[in-house]
Amino acid sequence: MASENKVNLRKGLGDELRAYREKAGFTQAEVAAKAGVHVNYYARIERGEENPSFEKLQGIMKVLKIKSLDVL
């Protein structure tokens, strides 16, 4: 049950990041490059397959101009 909850949380975060990225008009590659992460890693975050560190998440949120409470 706890594992399923974590997967749902990651999927929800990924969905939120995707929505902000699309609203900003960026591709995954653009966000990844500006945030200093590999595009494949960023794509896995959006799909809910990765649990990004706080630092990486902060970098992505800065690129997308997201306040932390907007996605958490």
PDB file of N, CA and C in Angstrom:
ATOM      1  N   MET A   1       0.822  -1.200   0.000  1.00  0.00           N
ATOM      2  CA  MET A   1       0.000   0.000   0.000  1.00  0.00           C
ATOM      3  C   MET A   1       0.866   1.265   0.000  1.00  0.00           C
ATOM      4  N   ALA A   2       1.885   1.285   0.863  1.00  0.00           N
ATOM      5  CA  ALA A   2       2.748   2.464   0.928  1.00  0.00           C
ATOM      6  C   ALA A   2       3.485   2.679  -0.388  1.00  0.00           C
ATOM      7  N   SER A   3       3.911   1.587  -1.004  1.00  0.00           N
ATOM      8  CA  SER A   3       4.605   1.684  -2.284  1.00  0.00           C
ATOM      9  C   SER A   3       3.694   2.252  -3.361  1.00  0.00           C
ATOM     10  N   GLU A   4       2.442   1.822  -3.368  1.00  0.00           N
ATOM     11  CA  GLU A   4       1.471   2.337  -4.338  1.00  0.00           C
ATOM     12  C   GLU A   4       1.232   3.833  -4.121  1.00  0.00           C
ATOM     13  N   ASN A   5       1.228   4.245  -2.881  1.00  0.00           N
ATOM     14  CA  ASN A   5       1.046   5.660  -2.545  1.00  0.00           C
ATOM     15  C   ASN A   5       2.192   6.498  -3.109  1.00  0.00           C
ATOM     16  N   LYS A   6       3.421   5.989  -2.993  1.00  0.00           N
ATOM     17  CA  LYS A   6       4.585   6.708  -3.511  1.00  0.00           C
ATOM     18  C   LYS A   6       4.513   6.840  -5.026  1.00  0.00           C
ATOM     19  N   VAL A   7       4.075   5.781  -5.682  1.00  0.00           N
ATOM     20  CA  VAL A   7       3.943   5.819  -7.138  1.00  0.00           C
ATOM     21  C   VAL A   7       2.910   6.871  -7.531  1.00  0.00           C
ATOM     22  N   ASN A   8       1.797   6.908  -6.824  1.00  0.00           N
ATOM     23  CA  ASN A   8       0.753   7.897  -7.108  1.00  0.00           C
ATOM     24  C   ASN A   8       1.247   9.316  -6.883  1.00  0.00           C
ATOM     25  N   LEU A   9       2.055   9.516  -5.841  1.00  0.00           N
ATOM     26  CA  LEU A   9       2.610  10.853  -5.582  1.00  0.00           C
ATOM     27  C   LEU A   9       3.553  11.282  -6.696  1.00  0.00           C
ATOM     28  N   ARG A  10       4.416  10.363  -7.127  1.00  0.00           N
ATOM     29  CA  ARG A  10       5.344  10.686  -8.221  1.00  0.00           C
ATOM     30  C   ARG A  10       4.590  10.964  -9.514  1.00  0.00           C
ATOM     31  N   LYS A  11       3.550  10.180  -9.783  1.00  0.00           N
ATOM     32  CA  LYS A  11       2.749  10.386 -10.997  1.00  0.00           C
ATOM     33  C   LYS A  11       2.059  11.742 -10.941  1.00  0.00           C
ATOM     34  N   GLY A  12       1.530  12.099  -9.777  1.00  0.00           N
ATOM     35  CA  GLY A  12       0.874  13.399  -9.634  1.00  0.00           C
ATOM     36  C   GLY A  12       1.837  14.553  -9.838  1.00  0.00           C
ATOM     37  N   LEU A  13       3.040  14.423  -9.289  1.00  0.00           N
ATOM     38  CA  LEU A  13       4.059  15.457  -9.481  1.00  0.00           C
ATOM     39  C   LEU A  13       4.407  15.575 -10.960  1.00  0.00           C
ATOM     40  N   GLY A  14       4.604  14.440 -11.611  1.00  0.00           N
ATOM     41  CA  GLY A  14       4.933  14.447 -13.036  1.00  0.00           C
ATOM     42  C   GLY A  14       3.850  15.094 -13.873  1.00  0.00           C
ATOM     43  N   ASP A  15       2.608  14.794 -13.552  1.00  0.00           N
ATOM     44  CA  ASP A  15       1.485  15.398 -14.280  1.00  0.00           C
ATOM     45  C   ASP A  15       1.467  16.911 -14.105  1.00  0.00           C
ATOM     46  N   GLU A  16       1.738  17.364 -12.881  1.00  0.00           N
ATOM     47  CA  GLU A  16       1.770  18.809 -12.612  1.00  0.00           C
ATOM     48  C   GLU A  16       2.906  19.484 -13.391  1.00  0.00           C
ATOM     49  N   LEU A  17       4.077  18.864 -13.354  1.00  0.00           N
ATOM     50  CA  LEU A  17       5.215  19.443 -14.082  1.00  0.00           C
ATOM     51  C   LEU A  17       4.936  19.504 -15.572  1.00  0.00           C
ATOM     52  N   ARG A  18       4.334  18.455 -16.109  1.00  0.00           N
ATOM     53  CA  ARG A  18       3.988  18.445 -17.540  1.00  0.00           C
ATOM     54  C   ARG A  18       3.029  19.586 -17.871  1.00  0.00           C
ATOM     55  N   ALA A  19       2.021  19.773 -17.036  1.00  0.00           N
ATOM     56  CA  ALA A  19       1.043  20.837 -17.282  1.00  0.00           C
ATOM     57  C   ALA A  19       1.714  22.212 -17.271  1.00  0.00           C
ATOM     58  N   TYR A  20       2.591  22.450 -16.302  1.00  0.00           N
ATOM     59  CA  TYR A  20       3.298  23.736 -16.243  1.00  0.00           C
ATOM     60  C   TYR A  20       4.217  23.905 -17.450  1.00  0.00           C
ATOM     61  N   ARG A  21       4.896  22.813 -17.836  1.00  0.00           N
ATOM     62  CA  ARG A  21       5.805  22.888 -18.985  1.00  0.00           C
ATOM     63  C   ARG A  21       5.045  23.219 -20.261  1.00  0.00           C
ATOM     64  N   GLU A  22       3.940  22.530 -20.472  1.00  0.00           N
ATOM     65  CA  GLU A  22       3.145  22.783 -21.674  1.00  0.00           C
ATOM     66  C   GLU A  22       2.570  24.196 -21.670  1.00  0.00           C
ATOM     67  N   LYS A  23       2.137  24.658 -20.507  1.00  0.00           N
ATOM     68  CA  LYS A  23       1.610  26.026 -20.400  1.00  0.00           C
ATOM     69  C   LYS A  23       2.695  27.049 -20.742  1.00  0.00           C
ATOM     70  N   ALA A  24       3.936  26.751 -20.344  1.00  0.00           N
ATOM     71  CA  ALA A  24       5.059  27.656 -20.621  1.00  0.00           C
ATOM     72  C   ALA A  24       5.539  27.541 -22.067  1.00  0.00           C
ATOM     73  N   GLY A  25       5.098  26.510 -22.775  1.00  0.00           N
ATOM     74  CA  GLY A  25       5.497  26.339 -24.167  1.00  0.00           C
ATOM     75  C   GLY A  25       6.873  25.740 -24.357  1.00  0.00           C
ATOM     76  N   PHE A  26       7.369  25.024 -23.350  1.00  0.00           N
ATOM     77  CA  PHE A  26       8.686  24.402 -23.426  1.00  0.00           C
ATOM     78  C   PHE A  26       8.570  22.936 -23.831  1.00  0.00           C
ATOM     79  N   THR A  27       9.610  22.437 -24.468  1.00  0.00           N
ATOM     80  CA  THR A  27       9.726  21.003 -24.695  1.00  0.00           C
ATOM     81  C   THR A  27      10.414  20.402 -23.470  1.00  0.00           C
ATOM     82  N   GLN A  28      10.361  19.083 -23.367  1.00  0.00           N
ATOM     83  CA  GLN A  28      11.076  18.416 -22.281  1.00  0.00           C
ATOM     84  C   GLN A  28      12.573  18.703 -22.383  1.00  0.00           C
ATOM     85  N   ALA A  29      13.088  18.713 -23.589  1.00  0.00           N
ATOM     86  CA  ALA A  29      14.516  18.957 -23.792  1.00  0.00           C
ATOM     87  C   ALA A  29      14.913  20.352 -23.323  1.00  0.00           C
ATOM     88  N   GLU A  30      14.080  21.334 -23.577  1.00  0.00           N
ATOM     89  CA  GLU A  30      14.390  22.703 -23.146  1.00  0.00           C
ATOM     90  C   GLU A  30      14.413  22.813 -21.622  1.00  0.00           C
ATOM     91  N   VAL A  31      13.428  22.227 -20.982  1.00  0.00           N
ATOM     92  CA  VAL A  31      13.386  22.279 -19.513  1.00  0.00           C
ATOM     93  C   VAL A  31      14.603  21.560 -18.942  1.00  0.00           C
ATOM     94  N   ALA A  32      14.882  20.383 -19.464  1.00  0.00           N
ATOM     95  CA  ALA A  32      16.014  19.601 -18.972  1.00  0.00           C
ATOM     96  C   ALA A  32      17.321  20.369 -19.112  1.00  0.00           C
ATOM     97  N   ALA A  33      17.554  20.957 -20.273  1.00  0.00           N
ATOM     98  CA  ALA A  33      18.800  21.698 -20.505  1.00  0.00           C
ATOM     99  C   ALA A  33      18.924  22.878 -19.550  1.00  0.00           C
ATOM    100  N   LYS A  34      17.854  23.622 -19.372  1.00  0.00           N
ATOM    101  CA  LYS A  34      17.896  24.798 -18.500  1.00  0.00           C
ATOM    102  C   LYS A  34      18.037  24.412 -17.035  1.00  0.00           C
ATOM    103  N   ALA A  35      17.514  23.234 -16.666  1.00  0.00           N
ATOM    104  CA  ALA A  35      17.584  22.779 -15.276  1.00  0.00           C
ATOM    105  C   ALA A  35      18.849  21.977 -14.993  1.00  0.00           C
ATOM    106  N   GLY A  36      19.611  21.664 -16.047  1.00  0.00           N
ATOM    107  CA  GLY A  36      20.861  20.936 -15.857  1.00  0.00           C
ATOM    108  C   GLY A  36      20.678  19.451 -15.595  1.00  0.00           C
ATOM    109  N   VAL A  37      19.620  18.871 -16.160  1.00  0.00           N
ATOM    110  CA  VAL A  37      19.405  17.429 -16.028  1.00  0.00           C
ATOM    111  C   VAL A  37      19.293  16.826 -17.426  1.00  0.00           C
ATOM    112  N   HIS A  38      19.492  15.535 -17.538  1.00  0.00           N
ATOM    113  CA  HIS A  38      19.381  14.859 -18.832  1.00  0.00           C
ATOM    114  C   HIS A  38      17.914  14.789 -19.232  1.00  0.00           C
ATOM    115  N   VAL A  39      17.652  14.926 -20.506  1.00  0.00           N
ATOM    116  CA  VAL A  39      16.277  14.926 -21.002  1.00  0.00           C
ATOM    117  C   VAL A  39      15.560  13.612 -20.678  1.00  0.00           C
ATOM    118  N   ASN A  40      16.268  12.494 -20.733  1.00  0.00           N
ATOM    119  CA  ASN A  40      15.630  11.221 -20.400  1.00  0.00           C
ATOM    120  C   ASN A  40      15.214  11.173 -18.927  1.00  0.00           C
ATOM    121  N   TYR A  41      16.052  11.712 -18.076  1.00  0.00           N
ATOM    122  CA  TYR A  41      15.734  11.775 -16.645  1.00  0.00           C
ATOM    123  C   TYR A  41      14.499  12.651 -16.432  1.00  0.00           C
ATOM    124  N   TYR A  42      14.471  13.804 -17.084  1.00  0.00           N
ATOM    125  CA  TYR A  42      13.319  14.691 -16.942  1.00  0.00           C
ATOM    126  C   TYR A  42      12.040  14.016 -17.441  1.00  0.00           C
ATOM    127  N   ALA A  43      12.121  13.322 -18.560  1.00  0.00           N
ATOM    128  CA  ALA A  43      10.954  12.617 -19.103  1.00  0.00           C
ATOM    129  C   ALA A  43      10.454  11.565 -18.113  1.00  0.00           C
ATOM    130  N   ARG A  44      11.390  10.870 -17.445  1.00  0.00           N
ATOM    131  CA  ARG A  44      10.984   9.868 -16.454  1.00  0.00           C
ATOM    132  C   ARG A  44      10.320  10.521 -15.244  1.00  0.00           C
ATOM    133  N   ILE A  45      10.750  11.722 -14.886  1.00  0.00           N
ATOM    134  CA  ILE A  45      10.087  12.448 -13.796  1.00  0.00           C
ATOM    135  C   ILE A  45       8.646  12.736 -14.188  1.00  0.00           C
ATOM    136  N   GLU A  46       8.436  13.227 -15.397  1.00  0.00           N
ATOM    137  CA  GLU A  46       7.076  13.532 -15.845  1.00  0.00           C
ATOM    138  C   GLU A  46       6.192  12.285 -15.899  1.00  0.00           C
ATOM    139  N   ARG A  47       6.790  11.140 -16.172  1.00  0.00           N
ATOM    140  CA  ARG A  47       6.011   9.897 -16.221  1.00  0.00           C
ATOM    141  C   ARG A  47       5.818   9.279 -14.839  1.00  0.00           C
ATOM    142  N   GLY A  48       6.428   9.879 -13.824  1.00  0.00           N
ATOM    143  CA  GLY A  48       6.293   9.356 -12.472  1.00  0.00           C
ATOM    144  C   GLY A  48       7.199   8.183 -12.185  1.00  0.00           C
ATOM    145  N   GLU A  49       8.238   8.016 -12.983  1.00  0.00           N
ATOM    146  CA  GLU A  49       9.155   6.888 -12.824  1.00  0.00           C
ATOM    147  C   GLU A  49      10.374   7.228 -11.984  1.00  0.00           C
ATOM    148  N   GLU A  50      10.594   8.485 -11.702  1.00  0.00           N
ATOM    149  CA  GLU A  50      11.760   8.927 -10.930  1.00  0.00           C
ATOM    150  C   GLU A  50      11.298   9.728  -9.718  1.00  0.00           C
ATOM    151  N   ASN A  51      12.105   9.671  -8.691  1.00  0.00           N
ATOM    152  CA  ASN A  51      11.878  10.456  -7.492  1.00  0.00           C
ATOM    153  C   ASN A  51      13.020  11.475  -7.412  1.00  0.00           C
ATOM    154  N   PRO A  52      12.828  12.658  -7.982  1.00  0.00           N
ATOM    155  CA  PRO A  52      13.938  13.616  -8.060  1.00  0.00           C
ATOM    156  C   PRO A  52      14.341  14.136  -6.688  1.00  0.00           C
ATOM    157  N   SER A  53      15.620  14.448  -6.559  1.00  0.00           N
ATOM    158  CA  SER A  53      16.088  15.070  -5.319  1.00  0.00           C
ATOM    159  C   SER A  53      15.463  16.455  -5.206  1.00  0.00           C
ATOM    160  N   PHE A  54      15.476  16.967  -4.002  1.00  0.00           N
ATOM    161  CA  PHE A  54      14.925  18.298  -3.769  1.00  0.00           C
ATOM    162  C   PHE A  54      15.651  19.335  -4.623  1.00  0.00           C
ATOM    163  N   GLU A  55      16.962  19.188  -4.732  1.00  0.00           N
ATOM    164  CA  GLU A  55      17.753  20.151  -5.503  1.00  0.00           C
ATOM    165  C   GLU A  55      17.389  20.121  -6.986  1.00  0.00           C
ATOM    166  N   LYS A  56      17.230  18.918  -7.534  1.00  0.00           N
ATOM    167  CA  LYS A  56      16.863  18.819  -8.951  1.00  0.00           C
ATOM    168  C   LYS A  56      15.456  19.359  -9.179  1.00  0.00           C
ATOM    169  N   LEU A  57      14.554  19.048  -8.258  1.00  0.00           N
ATOM    170  CA  LEU A  57      13.189  19.542  -8.367  1.00  0.00           C
ATOM    171  C   LEU A  57      13.164  21.071  -8.284  1.00  0.00           C
ATOM    172  N   GLN A  58      13.971  21.640  -7.420  1.00  0.00           N
ATOM    173  CA  GLN A  58      14.049  23.098  -7.328  1.00  0.00           C
ATOM    174  C   GLN A  58      14.514  23.707  -8.643  1.00  0.00           C
ATOM    175  N   GLY A  59      15.512  23.093  -9.268  1.00  0.00           N
ATOM    176  CA  GLY A  59      16.009  23.593 -10.554  1.00  0.00           C
ATOM    177  C   GLY A  59      14.932  23.560 -11.626  1.00  0.00           C
ATOM    178  N   ILE A  60      14.182  22.483 -11.673  1.00  0.00           N
ATOM    179  CA  ILE A  60      13.105  22.346 -12.658  1.00  0.00           C
ATOM    180  C   ILE A  60      12.020  23.377 -12.379  1.00  0.00           C
ATOM    181  N   MET A  61      11.658  23.528 -11.114  1.00  0.00           N
ATOM    182  CA  MET A  61      10.616  24.490 -10.757  1.00  0.00           C
ATOM    183  C   MET A  61      11.044  25.922 -11.072  1.00  0.00           C
ATOM    184  N   LYS A  62      12.324  26.212 -10.910  1.00  0.00           N
ATOM    185  CA  LYS A  62      12.830  27.555 -11.237  1.00  0.00           C
ATOM    186  C   LYS A  62      12.670  27.825 -12.733  1.00  0.00           C
ATOM    187  N   VAL A  63      13.002  26.836 -13.561  1.00  0.00           N
ATOM    188  CA  VAL A  63      12.866  26.981 -15.011  1.00  0.00           C
ATOM    189  C   VAL A  63      11.405  27.238 -15.378  1.00  0.00           C
ATOM    190  N   LEU A  64      10.501  26.498 -14.735  1.00  0.00           N
ATOM    191  CA  LEU A  64       9.078  26.610 -15.060  1.00  0.00           C
ATOM    192  C   LEU A  64       8.370  27.728 -14.287  1.00  0.00           C
ATOM    193  N   LYS A  65       9.137  28.425 -13.433  1.00  0.00           N
ATOM    194  CA  LYS A  65       8.597  29.530 -12.629  1.00  0.00           C
ATOM    195  C   LYS A  65       7.414  29.066 -11.774  1.00  0.00           C
ATOM    196  N   ILE A  66       7.660  27.958 -11.050  1.00  0.00           N
ATOM    197  CA  ILE A  66       6.655  27.369 -10.173  1.00  0.00           C
ATOM    198  C   ILE A  66       7.046  27.649  -8.738  1.00  0.00           C
ATOM    199  N   LYS A  67       6.081  28.058  -7.947  1.00  0.00           N
ATOM    200  CA  LYS A  67       6.290  28.178  -6.503  1.00  0.00           C
ATOM    201  C   LYS A  67       6.097  26.792  -5.912  1.00  0.00           C
ATOM    202  N   SER A  68       6.874  26.471  -4.901  1.00  0.00           N
ATOM    203  CA  SER A  68       6.860  25.113  -4.357  1.00  0.00           C
ATOM    204  C   SER A  68       5.473  24.648  -3.936  1.00  0.00           C
ATOM    205  N   LEU A  69       4.670  25.501  -3.402  1.00  0.00           N
ATOM    206  CA  LEU A  69       3.332  25.093  -2.959  1.00  0.00           C
ATOM    207  C   LEU A  69       2.405  24.799  -4.119  1.00  0.00           C
ATOM    208  N   ASP A  70       2.755  25.238  -5.307  1.00  0.00           N
ATOM    209  CA  ASP A  70       1.909  24.982  -6.477  1.00  0.00           C
ATOM    210  C   ASP A  70       1.932  23.514  -6.901  1.00  0.00           C
ATOM    211  N   VAL A  71       3.030  22.797  -6.644  1.00  0.00           N
ATOM    212  CA  VAL A  71       3.124  21.406  -7.077  1.00  0.00           C
ATOM    213  C   VAL A  71       3.198  20.414  -5.926  1.00  0.00           C
ATOM    214  N   LEU A  72       3.457  20.894  -4.733  1.00  0.00           N
ATOM    215  CA  LEU A  72       3.603  19.987  -3.588  1.00  0.00           C
ATOM    216  C   LEU A  72       2.322  19.911  -2.779  1.00  0.00           C
TER     217      LEU A  72
END
